[in-house]
Amino acid sequence: MRSHLADRSLWLQRIVERQLRKWEISAKQEREDPSERPFLHDFIAISREFGSGGAKLGARLSERLGWKVYDRELLELMSGDETARRHVYSTLDERQSSWIDGLLVLCAPETLSMREDYLRALSRTVLTIAHHEPAIFVGRGAHLVLPPDVGLRVRVTARLEDRVAKRAQEQGVSEKEARREVEQLEAQRQGFLKKQFGVDGSLPEHYELTVNMSRLSQEQACEIILTALRLKAREPVPE
């Protein structure tokens, strides 16, 4: 188990390193050819109930769009590790860095300055990613950090009974045990949003779109999200 975790950590670090090198090359090209481009690219920010299939939906959207998925593990590494965090921020010039800091004041909760440094680091990382490229964010409250006039925020839900049945099948446990796990893990997710952002993440007011995976297939949900994205996007969206 320990070897597996170490291998996965190394794999994630290599993903981040490749992405940072890509951004550095792109930043150099921009300095040589400072043509007009949006300061923030389009994005999809997915918030999901535990067991609803939001992560798989994000992966499917990534395949369709060619956009990278930034999930909890990647965002935690990029914002939580001091060395990685410094490297992420080094891809910004002074003007870009100041712009992002100003955007944080406008878009983050009023109490941001009173909360732990982790929230500021996470928020700054999410904005830096959106500055560099179109992206798909899964979890970590990205939908609450990014400005509402850009991108698409999606809430992925499913009936509790369906999420419990899925958990029981995947983990080989009883439905009683699966229900306990689903409710506990969902409470942890909601607790994170409440603690860090001071909001109830289940409220529809935080999203442009909600998809119910108890009534939609992955492909149907993907098409609905892509249609909504194309209606709101500022840049061409891949077919």
C-alpha atoms as a PDB file:
ATOM      1  CA  MET A   1       0.000   0.000   0.000  1.00  0.00           C
ATOM      2  CA  ARG A   2       2.768   2.425   0.946  1.00  0.00           C
ATOM      3  CA  SER A   3       4.623   1.637  -2.302  1.00  0.00           C
ATOM      4  CA  HIS A   4       1.425   2.236  -4.292  1.00  0.00           C
ATOM      5  CA  LEU A   5       0.880   5.612  -2.632  1.00  0.00           C
ATOM      6  CA  ALA A   6       4.485   6.608  -3.263  1.00  0.00           C
ATOM      7  CA  ASP A   7       4.207   5.614  -6.929  1.00  0.00           C
ATOM      8  CA  ARG A   8       1.001   7.613  -7.300  1.00  0.00           C
ATOM      9  CA  SER A   9       2.533  10.651  -5.613  1.00  0.00           C
ATOM     10  CA  LEU A  10       5.491  10.488  -8.008  1.00  0.00           C
ATOM     11  CA  TRP A  11       3.125  10.136 -10.963  1.00  0.00           C
ATOM     12  CA  LEU A  12       1.152  13.215  -9.872  1.00  0.00           C
ATOM     13  CA  GLN A  13       4.349  15.213  -9.401  1.00  0.00           C
ATOM     14  CA  ARG A  14       5.429  14.346 -12.939  1.00  0.00           C
ATOM     15  CA  ILE A  15       2.050  15.482 -14.286  1.00  0.00           C
ATOM     16  CA  VAL A  16       2.453  18.816 -12.521  1.00  0.00           C
ATOM     17  CA  GLU A  17       6.036  19.223 -13.748  1.00  0.00           C
ATOM     18  CA  ARG A  18       5.008  18.594 -17.365  1.00  0.00           C
ATOM     19  CA  GLN A  19       2.169  21.070 -17.058  1.00  0.00           C
ATOM     20  CA  LEU A  20       4.407  23.746 -15.547  1.00  0.00           C
ATOM     21  CA  ARG A  21       6.962  23.328 -18.337  1.00  0.00           C
ATOM     22  CA  LYS A  22       4.134  23.729 -20.851  1.00  0.00           C
ATOM     23  CA  TRP A  23       2.992  26.962 -19.162  1.00  0.00           C
ATOM     24  CA  GLU A  24       6.536  28.313 -19.066  1.00  0.00           C
ATOM     25  CA  ILE A  25       6.948  27.746 -22.805  1.00  0.00           C
ATOM     26  CA  SER A  26       3.558  29.338 -23.463  1.00  0.00           C
ATOM     27  CA  ALA A  27       4.440  32.363 -21.290  1.00  0.00           C
ATOM     28  CA  LYS A  28       7.694  32.844 -23.220  1.00  0.00           C
ATOM     29  CA  GLN A  29       5.819  32.754 -26.509  1.00  0.00           C
ATOM     30  CA  GLU A  30       3.320  35.314 -25.201  1.00  0.00           C
ATOM     31  CA  ARG A  31       6.114  37.690 -24.245  1.00  0.00           C
ATOM     32  CA  GLU A  32       7.545  37.381 -27.762  1.00  0.00           C
ATOM     33  CA  ASP A  33       4.122  37.755 -29.382  1.00  0.00           C
ATOM     34  CA  PRO A  34       1.881  39.722 -26.973  1.00  0.00           C
ATOM     35  CA  SER A  35      -1.328  39.259 -28.996  1.00  0.00           C
ATOM     36  CA  GLU A  36      -4.683  39.825 -27.333  1.00  0.00           C
ATOM     37  CA  ARG A  37      -6.003  36.841 -25.358  1.00  0.00           C
ATOM     38  CA  PRO A  38      -8.503  36.404 -22.522  1.00  0.00           C
ATOM     39  CA  PHE A  39      -7.027  36.714 -19.065  1.00  0.00           C
ATOM     40  CA  LEU A  40      -9.123  33.743 -17.953  1.00  0.00           C
ATOM     41  CA  HIS A  41      -9.979  30.901 -20.287  1.00  0.00           C
ATOM     42  CA  ASP A  42     -13.301  29.094 -20.330  1.00  0.00           C
ATOM     43  CA  PHE A  43     -13.661  26.232 -17.880  1.00  0.00           C
ATOM     44  CA  ILE A  44     -16.080  23.705 -16.418  1.00  0.00           C
ATOM     45  CA  ALA A  45     -16.184  23.531 -12.614  1.00  0.00           C
ATOM     46  CA  ILE A  46     -17.889  20.378 -11.358  1.00  0.00           C
ATOM     47  CA  SER A  47     -19.243  20.013  -7.838  1.00  0.00           C
ATOM     48  CA  ARG A  48     -20.722  16.601  -7.137  1.00  0.00           C
ATOM     49  CA  GLU A  49     -22.523  14.581  -4.543  1.00  0.00           C
ATOM     50  CA  PHE A  50     -20.479  11.627  -3.393  1.00  0.00           C
ATOM     51  CA  GLY A  51     -21.183   8.621  -5.607  1.00  0.00           C
ATOM     52  CA  SER A  52     -22.982  10.587  -8.321  1.00  0.00           C
ATOM     53  CA  GLY A  53     -20.351   9.916 -10.992  1.00  0.00           C
ATOM     54  CA  GLY A  54     -19.070  13.473 -11.250  1.00  0.00           C
ATOM     55  CA  ALA A  55     -15.431  12.422 -11.595  1.00  0.00           C
ATOM     56  CA  LYS A  56     -16.232  10.053 -14.473  1.00  0.00           C
ATOM     57  CA  LEU A  57     -18.269  12.787 -16.118  1.00  0.00           C
ATOM     58  CA  GLY A  58     -15.288  15.128 -15.835  1.00  0.00           C
ATOM     59  CA  ALA A  59     -13.065  12.509 -17.493  1.00  0.00           C
ATOM     60  CA  ARG A  60     -15.578  12.078 -20.325  1.00  0.00           C
ATOM     61  CA  LEU A  61     -15.739  15.842 -20.876  1.00  0.00           C
ATOM     62  CA  SER A  62     -11.941  15.908 -20.938  1.00  0.00           C
ATOM     63  CA  GLU A  63     -11.951  13.353 -23.747  1.00  0.00           C
ATOM     64  CA  ARG A  64     -14.459  15.387 -25.739  1.00  0.00           C
ATOM     65  CA  LEU A  65     -12.838  18.781 -25.223  1.00  0.00           C
ATOM     66  CA  GLY A  66      -9.157  17.918 -24.931  1.00  0.00           C
ATOM     67  CA  TRP A  67      -9.053  19.940 -21.687  1.00  0.00           C
ATOM     68  CA  LYS A  68      -7.104  18.733 -18.670  1.00  0.00           C
ATOM     69  CA  VAL A  69      -8.934  17.647 -15.518  1.00  0.00           C
ATOM     70  CA  TYR A  70      -7.759  19.162 -12.246  1.00  0.00           C
ATOM     71  CA  ASP A  71      -9.190  17.050  -9.456  1.00  0.00           C
ATOM     72  CA  ARG A  72      -8.702  17.113  -5.691  1.00  0.00           C
ATOM     73  CA  GLU A  73      -5.338  15.326  -5.785  1.00  0.00           C
ATOM     74  CA  LEU A  74      -3.773  17.610  -8.381  1.00  0.00           C
ATOM     75  CA  LEU A  75      -5.130  20.783  -6.790  1.00  0.00           C
ATOM     76  CA  GLU A  76      -3.951  19.655  -3.355  1.00  0.00           C
ATOM     77  CA  LEU A  77      -0.460  19.002  -4.707  1.00  0.00           C
ATOM     78  CA  MET A  78      -0.242  22.271  -6.642  1.00  0.00           C
ATOM     79  CA  SER A  79      -1.508  24.422  -3.784  1.00  0.00           C
ATOM     80  CA  GLY A  80      -0.471  22.452  -0.691  1.00  0.00           C
ATOM     81  CA  ASP A  81       3.149  21.651  -1.476  1.00  0.00           C
ATOM     82  CA  GLU A  82       5.299  24.754  -0.967  1.00  0.00           C
ATOM     83  CA  THR A  83       7.797  23.910  -3.714  1.00  0.00           C
ATOM     84  CA  ALA A  84       5.055  23.113  -6.242  1.00  0.00           C
ATOM     85  CA  ARG A  85       3.133  26.229  -5.229  1.00  0.00           C
ATOM     86  CA  ARG A  86       6.144  28.498  -5.798  1.00  0.00           C
ATOM     87  CA  HIS A  87       6.706  26.879  -9.183  1.00  0.00           C
ATOM     88  CA  VAL A  88       3.052  27.429 -10.146  1.00  0.00           C
ATOM     89  CA  TYR A  89       3.210  31.111  -9.198  1.00  0.00           C
ATOM     90  CA  SER A  90       6.525  31.563 -11.026  1.00  0.00           C
ATOM     91  CA  THR A  91       4.682  31.013 -14.323  1.00  0.00           C
ATOM     92  CA  LEU A  92       3.014  34.425 -13.813  1.00  0.00           C
ATOM     93  CA  ASP A  93       4.631  37.763 -14.470  1.00  0.00           C
ATOM     94  CA  GLU A  94       4.133  40.673 -12.072  1.00  0.00           C
ATOM     95  CA  ARG A  95       1.132  42.078 -13.943  1.00  0.00           C
ATOM     96  CA  GLN A  96      -0.618  38.713 -14.084  1.00  0.00           C
ATOM     97  CA  SER A  97       0.107  38.021 -10.432  1.00  0.00           C
ATOM     98  CA  SER A  98      -1.318  41.378  -9.360  1.00  0.00           C
ATOM     99  CA  TRP A  99      -4.397  40.837 -11.503  1.00  0.00           C
ATOM    100  CA  ILE A 100      -5.086  37.460  -9.906  1.00  0.00           C
ATOM    101  CA  ASP A 101      -4.619  38.848  -6.403  1.00  0.00           C
ATOM    102  CA  GLY A 102      -7.120  41.588  -7.233  1.00  0.00           C
ATOM    103  CA  LEU A 103      -9.565  39.045  -8.612  1.00  0.00           C
ATOM    104  CA  LEU A 104      -9.316  37.061  -5.381  1.00  0.00           C
ATOM    105  CA  VAL A 105     -10.550  40.072  -3.439  1.00  0.00           C
ATOM    106  CA  LEU A 106     -13.568  40.391  -5.758  1.00  0.00           C
ATOM    107  CA  CYS A 107     -14.512  36.740  -6.202  1.00  0.00           C
ATOM    108  CA  ALA A 108     -13.544  35.022  -2.960  1.00  0.00           C
ATOM    109  CA  PRO A 109     -15.683  35.216   0.192  1.00  0.00           C
ATOM    110  CA  GLU A 110     -15.525  38.415   2.209  1.00  0.00           C
ATOM    111  CA  THR A 111     -13.858  36.518   5.036  1.00  0.00           C
ATOM    112  CA  LEU A 112     -11.060  35.165   2.837  1.00  0.00           C
ATOM    113  CA  SER A 113      -8.397  37.224   4.591  1.00  0.00           C
ATOM    114  CA  MET A 114      -9.492  35.788   7.938  1.00  0.00           C
ATOM    115  CA  ARG A 115      -9.329  32.156   6.819  1.00  0.00           C
ATOM    116  CA  GLU A 116      -6.346  29.851   6.750  1.00  0.00           C
ATOM    117  CA  ASP A 117      -3.555  30.303   4.210  1.00  0.00           C
ATOM    118  CA  TYR A 118      -4.650  27.061   2.527  1.00  0.00           C
ATOM    119  CA  LEU A 119      -7.754  28.695   1.046  1.00  0.00           C
ATOM    120  CA  ARG A 120      -5.787  31.573  -0.420  1.00  0.00           C
ATOM    121  CA  ALA A 121      -3.227  29.171  -1.913  1.00  0.00           C
ATOM    122  CA  LEU A 122      -5.961  26.944  -3.348  1.00  0.00           C
ATOM    123  CA  SER A 123      -7.869  29.904  -4.809  1.00  0.00           C
ATOM    124  CA  ARG A 124      -4.745  31.426  -6.339  1.00  0.00           C
ATOM    125  CA  THR A 125      -3.800  28.078  -7.874  1.00  0.00           C
ATOM    126  CA  VAL A 126      -7.247  27.625  -9.453  1.00  0.00           C
ATOM    127  CA  LEU A 127      -7.130  31.132 -10.951  1.00  0.00           C
ATOM    128  CA  THR A 128      -3.590  30.559 -12.244  1.00  0.00           C
ATOM    129  CA  ILE A 129      -4.685  27.382 -14.019  1.00  0.00           C
ATOM    130  CA  ALA A 130      -7.677  29.140 -15.604  1.00  0.00           C
ATOM    131  CA  HIS A 131      -5.363  31.937 -16.717  1.00  0.00           C
ATOM    132  CA  HIS A 132      -3.064  29.522 -18.534  1.00  0.00           C
ATOM    133  CA  GLU A 133      -5.552  27.201 -20.239  1.00  0.00           C
ATOM    134  CA  PRO A 134      -9.146  25.984 -20.582  1.00  0.00           C
ATOM    135  CA  ALA A 135      -9.670  23.377 -17.863  1.00  0.00           C
ATOM    136  CA  ILE A 136     -12.090  21.089 -16.067  1.00  0.00           C
ATOM    137  CA  PHE A 137     -12.085  21.422 -12.287  1.00  0.00           C
ATOM    138  CA  VAL A 138     -13.584  18.642 -10.162  1.00  0.00           C
ATOM    139  CA  GLY A 139     -14.250  19.554  -6.533  1.00  0.00           C
ATOM    140  CA  ARG A 140     -12.295  21.697  -4.024  1.00  0.00           C
ATOM    141  CA  GLY A 141     -14.793  24.569  -4.351  1.00  0.00           C
ATOM    142  CA  ALA A 142     -13.347  25.812  -7.658  1.00  0.00           C
ATOM    143  CA  HIS A 143     -16.829  26.964  -8.684  1.00  0.00           C
ATOM    144  CA  LEU A 144     -16.798  29.408  -5.754  1.00  0.00           C
ATOM    145  CA  VAL A 145     -13.411  30.907  -6.617  1.00  0.00           C
ATOM    146  CA  LEU A 146     -13.772  31.561 -10.353  1.00  0.00           C
ATOM    147  CA  PRO A 147     -15.686  34.664 -11.504  1.00  0.00           C
ATOM    148  CA  PRO A 148     -19.319  34.047 -12.540  1.00  0.00           C
ATOM    149  CA  ASP A 149     -19.091  35.768 -15.927  1.00  0.00           C
ATOM    150  CA  VAL A 150     -16.629  33.136 -17.209  1.00  0.00           C
ATOM    151  CA  GLY A 151     -16.971  29.373 -17.596  1.00  0.00           C
ATOM    152  CA  LEU A 152     -19.678  26.968 -16.501  1.00  0.00           C
ATOM    153  CA  ARG A 153     -20.430  25.670 -13.006  1.00  0.00           C
ATOM    154  CA  VAL A 154     -22.160  22.276 -12.867  1.00  0.00           C
ATOM    155  CA  ARG A 155     -23.668  20.407  -9.921  1.00  0.00           C
ATOM    156  CA  VAL A 156     -23.800  16.619 -10.419  1.00  0.00           C
ATOM    157  CA  THR A 157     -26.408  14.796  -8.330  1.00  0.00           C
ATOM    158  CA  ALA A 158     -28.077  11.388  -8.087  1.00  0.00           C
ATOM    159  CA  ARG A 159     -30.680   9.737  -5.865  1.00  0.00           C
ATOM    160  CA  LEU A 160     -29.258   8.639  -2.514  1.00  0.00           C
ATOM    161  CA  GLU A 161     -30.544   5.112  -3.131  1.00  0.00           C
ATOM    162  CA  ASP A 162     -28.617   4.915  -6.411  1.00  0.00           C
ATOM    163  CA  ARG A 163     -25.438   6.246  -4.852  1.00  0.00           C
ATOM    164  CA  VAL A 164     -25.724   3.776  -1.976  1.00  0.00           C
ATOM    165  CA  ALA A 165     -26.318   0.834  -4.325  1.00  0.00           C
ATOM    166  CA  LYS A 166     -23.311   1.849  -6.409  1.00  0.00           C
ATOM    167  CA  ARG A 167     -21.098   2.118  -3.329  1.00  0.00           C
ATOM    168  CA  ALA A 168     -22.246  -1.265  -2.013  1.00  0.00           C
ATOM    169  CA  GLN A 169     -21.471  -2.922  -5.344  1.00  0.00           C
ATOM    170  CA  GLU A 170     -18.071  -1.257  -5.770  1.00  0.00           C
ATOM    171  CA  GLN A 171     -16.886  -1.902  -2.204  1.00  0.00           C
ATOM    172  CA  GLY A 172     -18.575  -5.255  -1.669  1.00  0.00           C
ATOM    173  CA  VAL A 173     -20.327  -4.098   1.498  1.00  0.00           C
ATOM    174  CA  SER A 174     -23.913  -4.176   2.731  1.00  0.00           C
ATOM    175  CA  GLU A 175     -26.314  -1.411   1.758  1.00  0.00           C
ATOM    176  CA  LYS A 176     -26.431  -0.333   5.407  1.00  0.00           C
ATOM    177  CA  GLU A 177     -22.666   0.087   5.510  1.00  0.00           C
ATOM    178  CA  ALA A 178     -22.660   1.740   2.077  1.00  0.00           C
ATOM    179  CA  ARG A 179     -25.290   4.254   3.172  1.00  0.00           C
ATOM    180  CA  ARG A 180     -23.241   5.132   6.241  1.00  0.00           C
ATOM    181  CA  GLU A 181     -20.138   5.674   4.101  1.00  0.00           C
ATOM    182  CA  VAL A 182     -21.952   7.728   1.451  1.00  0.00           C
ATOM    183  CA  GLU A 183     -23.570   9.999   4.024  1.00  0.00           C
ATOM    184  CA  GLN A 184     -20.308  10.399   5.949  1.00  0.00           C
ATOM    185  CA  LEU A 185     -18.229  11.222   2.872  1.00  0.00           C
ATOM    186  CA  GLU A 186     -20.860  13.616   1.531  1.00  0.00           C
ATOM    187  CA  ALA A 187     -20.930  15.359   4.917  1.00  0.00           C
ATOM    188  CA  GLN A 188     -17.136  15.746   4.710  1.00  0.00           C
ATOM    189  CA  ARG A 189     -17.422  17.398   1.300  1.00  0.00           C
ATOM    190  CA  GLN A 190     -20.117  19.760   2.483  1.00  0.00           C
ATOM    191  CA  GLY A 191     -18.113  20.439   5.634  1.00  0.00           C
ATOM    192  CA  PHE A 192     -15.105  21.464   3.535  1.00  0.00           C
ATOM    193  CA  LEU A 193     -17.174  24.026   1.592  1.00  0.00           C
ATOM    194  CA  LYS A 194     -18.792  25.311   4.762  1.00  0.00           C
ATOM    195  CA  LYS A 195     -15.492  25.656   6.598  1.00  0.00           C
ATOM    196  CA  GLN A 196     -13.446  27.147   3.773  1.00  0.00           C
ATOM    197  CA  PHE A 197     -16.056  29.206   1.905  1.00  0.00           C
ATOM    198  CA  GLY A 198     -18.861  29.599   4.417  1.00  0.00           C
ATOM    199  CA  VAL A 199     -21.549  28.326   2.022  1.00  0.00           C
ATOM    200  CA  ASP A 200     -23.928  25.417   1.533  1.00  0.00           C
ATOM    201  CA  GLY A 201     -22.543  23.756  -1.590  1.00  0.00           C
ATOM    202  CA  SER A 202     -25.834  22.052  -2.425  1.00  0.00           C
ATOM    203  CA  LEU A 203     -27.683  25.317  -3.142  1.00  0.00           C
ATOM    204  CA  PRO A 204     -28.547  25.682  -6.867  1.00  0.00           C
ATOM    205  CA  GLU A 205     -27.691  29.401  -6.817  1.00  0.00           C
ATOM    206  CA  HIS A 206     -24.002  28.486  -7.075  1.00  0.00           C
ATOM    207  CA  TYR A 207     -24.401  26.787 -10.464  1.00  0.00           C
ATOM    208  CA  GLU A 208     -25.602  27.463 -13.980  1.00  0.00           C
ATOM    209  CA  LEU A 209     -26.573  23.828 -14.444  1.00  0.00           C
ATOM    210  CA  THR A 210     -27.525  20.757 -12.406  1.00  0.00           C
ATOM    211  CA  VAL A 211     -27.519  17.259 -13.926  1.00  0.00           C
ATOM    212  CA  ASN A 212     -29.250  14.325 -12.264  1.00  0.00           C
ATOM    213  CA  MET A 213     -27.299  11.153 -13.039  1.00  0.00           C
ATOM    214  CA  SER A 214     -30.184   8.983 -11.855  1.00  0.00           C
ATOM    215  CA  ARG A 215     -32.061  10.160 -14.951  1.00  0.00           C
ATOM    216  CA  LEU A 216     -29.271  10.730 -17.450  1.00  0.00           C
ATOM    217  CA  SER A 217     -26.563   8.575 -18.974  1.00  0.00           C
ATOM    218  CA  GLN A 218     -22.979   9.820 -18.978  1.00  0.00           C
ATOM    219  CA  GLU A 219     -23.280  10.645 -22.669  1.00  0.00           C
ATOM    220  CA  GLN A 220     -26.563  12.518 -22.244  1.00  0.00           C
ATOM    221  CA  ALA A 221     -25.177  14.555 -19.353  1.00  0.00           C
ATOM    222  CA  CYS A 222     -22.026  15.281 -21.348  1.00  0.00           C
ATOM    223  CA  GLU A 223     -24.041  16.606 -24.296  1.00  0.00           C
ATOM    224  CA  ILE A 224     -26.169  18.818 -22.052  1.00  0.00           C
ATOM    225  CA  ILE A 225     -23.087  20.300 -20.390  1.00  0.00           C
ATOM    226  CA  LEU A 226     -21.321  20.897 -23.703  1.00  0.00           C
ATOM    227  CA  THR A 227     -24.398  22.615 -25.119  1.00  0.00           C
ATOM    228  CA  ALA A 228     -24.577  24.921 -22.094  1.00  0.00           C
ATOM    229  CA  LEU A 229     -20.830  25.597 -22.314  1.00  0.00           C
ATOM    230  CA  ARG A 230     -21.055  26.576 -25.989  1.00  0.00           C
ATOM    231  CA  LEU A 231     -23.859  29.028 -25.226  1.00  0.00           C
ATOM    232  CA  LYS A 232     -21.755  30.767 -22.567  1.00  0.00           C
ATOM    233  CA  ALA A 233     -18.179  30.283 -23.787  1.00  0.00           C
ATOM    234  CA  ARG A 234     -16.102  33.245 -24.913  1.00  0.00           C
ATOM    235  CA  GLU A 235     -13.756  31.071 -26.982  1.00  0.00           C
ATOM    236  CA  PRO A 236     -14.527  28.374 -29.586  1.00  0.00           C
ATOM    237  CA  VAL A 237     -15.405  25.068 -27.909  1.00  0.00           C
ATOM    238  CA  PRO A 238     -14.132  21.838 -29.581  1.00  0.00           C
ATOM    239  CA  GLU A 239     -16.860  19.709 -31.145  1.00  0.00           C
END
